[in-house]
Amino acid sequence: MPGGEVLTPGEPENRMRRQRLEEGIPLPDDTWAAIVAAAREVGVDERRIQQVGAA
């Protein structure tokens, strides 16, 4: 692509890592629901589940 950005090896990964650290890792709703269900099954407090989900 003419005039496009030139990246060094590892640069896209470093950018993505920074973005994930700042914004979190996106999960599909069904994946988050499965995590919440598993946490409930092992007795994790509901407030703790919501704190983690909001972080």
PDB file of N, CA and C in Angstrom:
ATOM      1  N   MET A   1       0.850  -1.162   0.000  1.00  0.00           N
ATOM      2  CA  MET A   1       0.000   0.000   0.000  1.00  0.00           C
ATOM      3  C   MET A   1       0.901   1.232   0.000  1.00  0.00           C
ATOM      4  N   PRO A   2       0.879   2.024  -1.043  1.00  0.00           N
ATOM      5  CA  PRO A   2       1.741   3.203  -1.134  1.00  0.00           C
ATOM      6  C   PRO A   2       1.483   4.181   0.020  1.00  0.00           C
ATOM      7  N   GLY A   3       2.577   4.673   0.575  1.00  0.00           N
ATOM      8  CA  GLY A   3       2.462   5.641   1.659  1.00  0.00           C
ATOM      9  C   GLY A   3       2.017   5.030   2.976  1.00  0.00           C
ATOM     10  N   GLY A   4       1.923   3.708   3.021  1.00  0.00           N
ATOM     11  CA  GLY A   4       1.479   3.019   4.234  1.00  0.00           C
ATOM     12  C   GLY A   4       2.568   3.017   5.294  1.00  0.00           C
ATOM     13  N   GLU A   5       2.197   2.627   6.459  1.00  0.00           N
ATOM     14  CA  GLU A   5       3.112   2.581   7.591  1.00  0.00           C
ATOM     15  C   GLU A   5       4.034   1.373   7.486  1.00  0.00           C
ATOM     16  N   VAL A   6       5.286   1.553   7.822  1.00  0.00           N
ATOM     17  CA  VAL A   6       6.259   0.468   7.842  1.00  0.00           C
ATOM     18  C   VAL A   6       6.509   0.109   9.299  1.00  0.00           C
ATOM     19  N   LEU A   7       6.311  -1.149   9.635  1.00  0.00           N
ATOM     20  CA  LEU A   7       6.470  -1.604  11.012  1.00  0.00           C
ATOM     21  C   LEU A   7       7.645  -2.564  11.113  1.00  0.00           C
ATOM     22  N   THR A   8       8.291  -2.549  12.251  1.00  0.00           N
ATOM     23  CA  THR A   8       9.382  -3.485  12.503  1.00  0.00           C
ATOM     24  C   THR A   8       8.807  -4.761  13.096  1.00  0.00           C
ATOM     25  N   PRO A   9       9.545  -5.860  13.012  1.00  0.00           N
ATOM     26  CA  PRO A   9       9.066  -7.104  13.605  1.00  0.00           C
ATOM     27  C   PRO A   9       8.760  -6.903  15.095  1.00  0.00           C
ATOM     28  N   GLY A  10       7.598  -7.388  15.508  1.00  0.00           N
ATOM     29  CA  GLY A  10       7.186  -7.281  16.900  1.00  0.00           C
ATOM     30  C   GLY A  10       6.390  -6.021  17.224  1.00  0.00           C
ATOM     31  N   GLU A  11       6.447  -5.024  16.362  1.00  0.00           N
ATOM     32  CA  GLU A  11       5.750  -3.766  16.640  1.00  0.00           C
ATOM     33  C   GLU A  11       4.226  -3.929  16.694  1.00  0.00           C
ATOM     34  N   PRO A  12       3.604  -4.663  15.762  1.00  0.00           N
ATOM     35  CA  PRO A  12       2.149  -4.839  15.875  1.00  0.00           C
ATOM     36  C   PRO A  12       1.762  -5.521  17.193  1.00  0.00           C
ATOM     37  N   GLU A  13       2.543  -6.502  17.605  1.00  0.00           N
ATOM     38  CA  GLU A  13       2.260  -7.214  18.851  1.00  0.00           C
ATOM     39  C   GLU A  13       2.416  -6.297  20.063  1.00  0.00           C
ATOM     40  N   ASN A  14       3.454  -5.462  20.047  1.00  0.00           N
ATOM     41  CA  ASN A  14       3.648  -4.521  21.152  1.00  0.00           C
ATOM     42  C   ASN A  14       2.510  -3.516  21.238  1.00  0.00           C
ATOM     43  N   ARG A  15       2.049  -3.048  20.101  1.00  0.00           N
ATOM     44  CA  ARG A  15       0.922  -2.116  20.084  1.00  0.00           C
ATOM     45  C   ARG A  15      -0.336  -2.776  20.649  1.00  0.00           C
ATOM     46  N   MET A  16      -0.583  -4.005  20.209  1.00  0.00           N
ATOM     47  CA  MET A  16      -1.767  -4.716  20.686  1.00  0.00           C
ATOM     48  C   MET A  16      -1.672  -4.975  22.188  1.00  0.00           C
ATOM     49  N   ARG A  17      -0.489  -5.316  22.667  1.00  0.00           N
ATOM     50  CA  ARG A  17      -0.300  -5.542  24.110  1.00  0.00           C
ATOM     51  C   ARG A  17      -0.629  -4.282  24.898  1.00  0.00           C
ATOM     52  N   ARG A  18      -0.115  -3.139  24.447  1.00  0.00           N
ATOM     53  CA  ARG A  18      -0.414  -1.868  25.124  1.00  0.00           C
ATOM     54  C   ARG A  18      -1.911  -1.580  25.120  1.00  0.00           C
ATOM     55  N   GLN A  19      -2.537  -1.805  23.970  1.00  0.00           N
ATOM     56  CA  GLN A  19      -3.978  -1.566  23.868  1.00  0.00           C
ATOM     57  C   GLN A  19      -4.747  -2.475  24.824  1.00  0.00           C
ATOM     58  N   ARG A  20      -4.392  -3.749  24.880  1.00  0.00           N
ATOM     59  CA  ARG A  20      -5.081  -4.695  25.765  1.00  0.00           C
ATOM     60  C   ARG A  20      -4.871  -4.338  27.233  1.00  0.00           C
ATOM     61  N   LEU A  21      -3.680  -3.869  27.582  1.00  0.00           N
ATOM     62  CA  LEU A  21      -3.427  -3.466  28.968  1.00  0.00           C
ATOM     63  C   LEU A  21      -4.276  -2.259  29.353  1.00  0.00           C
ATOM     64  N   GLU A  22      -4.483  -1.357  28.411  1.00  0.00           N
ATOM     65  CA  GLU A  22      -5.280  -0.163  28.678  1.00  0.00           C
ATOM     66  C   GLU A  22      -6.780  -0.436  28.649  1.00  0.00           C
ATOM     67  N   GLU A  23      -7.229  -1.221  27.676  1.00  0.00           N
ATOM     68  CA  GLU A  23      -8.659  -1.391  27.426  1.00  0.00           C
ATOM     69  C   GLU A  23      -9.215  -2.742  27.834  1.00  0.00           C
ATOM     70  N   GLY A  24      -8.355  -3.685  28.155  1.00  0.00           N
ATOM     71  CA  GLY A  24      -8.809  -5.036  28.460  1.00  0.00           C
ATOM     72  C   GLY A  24      -8.893  -5.877  27.197  1.00  0.00           C
ATOM     73  N   ILE A  25      -9.284  -7.115  27.390  1.00  0.00           N
ATOM     74  CA  ILE A  25      -9.389  -8.049  26.279  1.00  0.00           C
ATOM     75  C   ILE A  25     -10.866  -8.272  25.995  1.00  0.00           C
ATOM     76  N   PRO A  26     -11.320  -7.957  24.791  1.00  0.00           N
ATOM     77  CA  PRO A  26     -12.735  -8.140  24.493  1.00  0.00           C
ATOM     78  C   PRO A  26     -13.107  -9.624  24.463  1.00  0.00           C
ATOM     79  N   LEU A  27     -14.259  -9.926  25.057  1.00  0.00           N
ATOM     80  CA  LEU A  27     -14.765 -11.296  25.054  1.00  0.00           C
ATOM     81  C   LEU A  27     -16.184 -11.310  24.508  1.00  0.00           C
ATOM     82  N   PRO A  28     -16.531 -12.334  23.753  1.00  0.00           N
ATOM     83  CA  PRO A  28     -17.925 -12.476  23.341  1.00  0.00           C
ATOM     84  C   PRO A  28     -18.811 -12.652  24.585  1.00  0.00           C
ATOM     85  N   ASP A  29     -20.044 -12.201  24.503  1.00  0.00           N
ATOM     86  CA  ASP A  29     -20.960 -12.290  25.642  1.00  0.00           C
ATOM     87  C   ASP A  29     -21.113 -13.712  26.162  1.00  0.00           C
ATOM     88  N   ASP A  30     -21.170 -14.685  25.258  1.00  0.00           N
ATOM     89  CA  ASP A  30     -21.356 -16.063  25.714  1.00  0.00           C
ATOM     90  C   ASP A  30     -20.130 -16.579  26.468  1.00  0.00           C
ATOM     91  N   THR A  31     -18.955 -16.115  26.103  1.00  0.00           N
ATOM     92  CA  THR A  31     -17.745 -16.503  26.826  1.00  0.00           C
ATOM     93  C   THR A  31     -17.762 -15.921  28.238  1.00  0.00           C
ATOM     94  N   TRP A  32     -18.111 -14.627  28.351  1.00  0.00           N
ATOM     95  CA  TRP A  32     -18.190 -14.003  29.684  1.00  0.00           C
ATOM     96  C   TRP A  32     -19.255 -14.698  30.531  1.00  0.00           C
ATOM     97  N   ALA A  33     -20.386 -15.054  29.936  1.00  0.00           N
ATOM     98  CA  ALA A  33     -21.455 -15.739  30.662  1.00  0.00           C
ATOM     99  C   ALA A  33     -20.960 -17.084  31.195  1.00  0.00           C
ATOM    100  N   ALA A  34     -20.169 -17.794  30.420  1.00  0.00           N
ATOM    101  CA  ALA A  34     -19.627 -19.083  30.866  1.00  0.00           C
ATOM    102  C   ALA A  34     -18.653 -18.881  32.021  1.00  0.00           C
ATOM    103  N   ILE A  35     -17.848 -17.836  31.974  1.00  0.00           N
ATOM    104  CA  ILE A  35     -16.911 -17.543  33.061  1.00  0.00           C
ATOM    105  C   ILE A  35     -17.682 -17.219  34.336  1.00  0.00           C
ATOM    106  N   VAL A  36     -18.723 -16.393  34.215  1.00  0.00           N
ATOM    107  CA  VAL A  36     -19.543 -16.021  35.375  1.00  0.00           C
ATOM    108  C   VAL A  36     -20.215 -17.261  35.961  1.00  0.00           C
ATOM    109  N   ALA A  37     -20.766 -18.112  35.112  1.00  0.00           N
ATOM    110  CA  ALA A  37     -21.433 -19.329  35.584  1.00  0.00           C
ATOM    111  C   ALA A  37     -20.448 -20.233  36.325  1.00  0.00           C
ATOM    112  N   ALA A  38     -19.250 -20.376  35.792  1.00  0.00           N
ATOM    113  CA  ALA A  38     -18.240 -21.212  36.455  1.00  0.00           C
ATOM    114  C   ALA A  38     -17.844 -20.618  37.805  1.00  0.00           C
ATOM    115  N   ALA A  39     -17.715 -19.305  37.871  1.00  0.00           N
ATOM    116  CA  ALA A  39     -17.365 -18.647  39.134  1.00  0.00           C
ATOM    117  C   ALA A  39     -18.456 -18.868  40.172  1.00  0.00           C
ATOM    118  N   ARG A  40     -19.693 -18.740  39.756  1.00  0.00           N
ATOM    119  CA  ARG A  40     -20.818 -18.969  40.681  1.00  0.00           C
ATOM    120  C   ARG A  40     -20.818 -20.409  41.190  1.00  0.00           C
ATOM    121  N   GLU A  41     -20.555 -21.363  40.293  1.00  0.00           N
ATOM    122  CA  GLU A  41     -20.557 -22.780  40.664  1.00  0.00           C
ATOM    123  C   GLU A  41     -19.548 -23.087  41.758  1.00  0.00           C
ATOM    124  N   VAL A  42     -18.435 -22.375  41.768  1.00  0.00           N
ATOM    125  CA  VAL A  42     -17.411 -22.646  42.784  1.00  0.00           C
ATOM    126  C   VAL A  42     -17.511 -21.695  43.970  1.00  0.00           C
ATOM    127  N   GLY A  43     -18.596 -20.907  44.004  1.00  0.00           N
ATOM    128  CA  GLY A  43     -18.873 -20.097  45.174  1.00  0.00           C
ATOM    129  C   GLY A  43     -18.228 -18.726  45.217  1.00  0.00           C
ATOM    130  N   VAL A  44     -17.812 -18.201  44.082  1.00  0.00           N
ATOM    131  CA  VAL A  44     -17.246 -16.851  44.069  1.00  0.00           C
ATOM    132  C   VAL A  44     -18.372 -15.860  44.339  1.00  0.00           C
ATOM    133  N   ASP A  45     -18.133 -14.923  45.228  1.00  0.00           N
ATOM    134  CA  ASP A  45     -19.116 -13.920  45.612  1.00  0.00           C
ATOM    135  C   ASP A  45     -19.550 -13.095  44.402  1.00  0.00           C
ATOM    136  N   GLU A  46     -20.848 -12.861  44.292  1.00  0.00           N
ATOM    137  CA  GLU A  46     -21.415 -12.116  43.156  1.00  0.00           C
ATOM    138  C   GLU A  46     -20.758 -10.748  42.979  1.00  0.00           C
ATOM    139  N   ARG A  47     -20.492 -10.045  44.084  1.00  0.00           N
ATOM    140  CA  ARG A  47     -19.843  -8.725  43.984  1.00  0.00           C
ATOM    141  C   ARG A  47     -18.456  -8.843  43.381  1.00  0.00           C
ATOM    142  N   ARG A  48     -17.755  -9.881  43.732  1.00  0.00           N
ATOM    143  CA  ARG A  48     -16.393 -10.080  43.182  1.00  0.00           C
ATOM    144  C   ARG A  48     -16.442 -10.338  41.680  1.00  0.00           C
ATOM    145  N   ILE A  49     -17.436 -11.101  41.242  1.00  0.00           N
ATOM    146  CA  ILE A  49     -17.573 -11.370  39.802  1.00  0.00           C
ATOM    147  C   ILE A  49     -17.788 -10.054  39.057  1.00  0.00           C
ATOM    148  N   GLN A  50     -18.665  -9.196  39.574  1.00  0.00           N
ATOM    149  CA  GLN A  50     -18.963  -7.940  38.910  1.00  0.00           C
ATOM    150  C   GLN A  50     -17.752  -6.996  38.920  1.00  0.00           C
ATOM    151  N   GLN A  51     -16.966  -7.025  39.986  1.00  0.00           N
ATOM    152  CA  GLN A  51     -15.752  -6.169  40.049  1.00  0.00           C
ATOM    153  C   GLN A  51     -14.790  -6.562  38.947  1.00  0.00           C
ATOM    154  N   VAL A  52     -14.606  -7.844  38.755  1.00  0.00           N
ATOM    155  CA  VAL A  52     -13.690  -8.322  37.732  1.00  0.00           C
ATOM    156  C   VAL A  52     -14.223  -7.972  36.346  1.00  0.00           C
ATOM    157  N   GLY A  53     -15.526  -8.106  36.146  1.00  0.00           N
ATOM    158  CA  GLY A  53     -16.124  -7.805  34.856  1.00  0.00           C
ATOM    159  C   GLY A  53     -16.046  -6.335  34.492  1.00  0.00           C
ATOM    160  N   ALA A  54     -16.044  -5.478  35.491  1.00  0.00           N
ATOM    161  CA  ALA A  54     -16.000  -4.035  35.249  1.00  0.00           C
ATOM    162  C   ALA A  54     -14.585  -3.523  35.086  1.00  0.00           C
ATOM    163  N   ALA A  55     -13.612  -4.320  35.451  1.00  0.00           N
ATOM    164  CA  ALA A  55     -12.216  -3.854  35.402  1.00  0.00           C
ATOM    165  C   ALA A  55     -11.696  -3.769  33.994  1.00  0.00           C
TER     166      ALA A  55
END
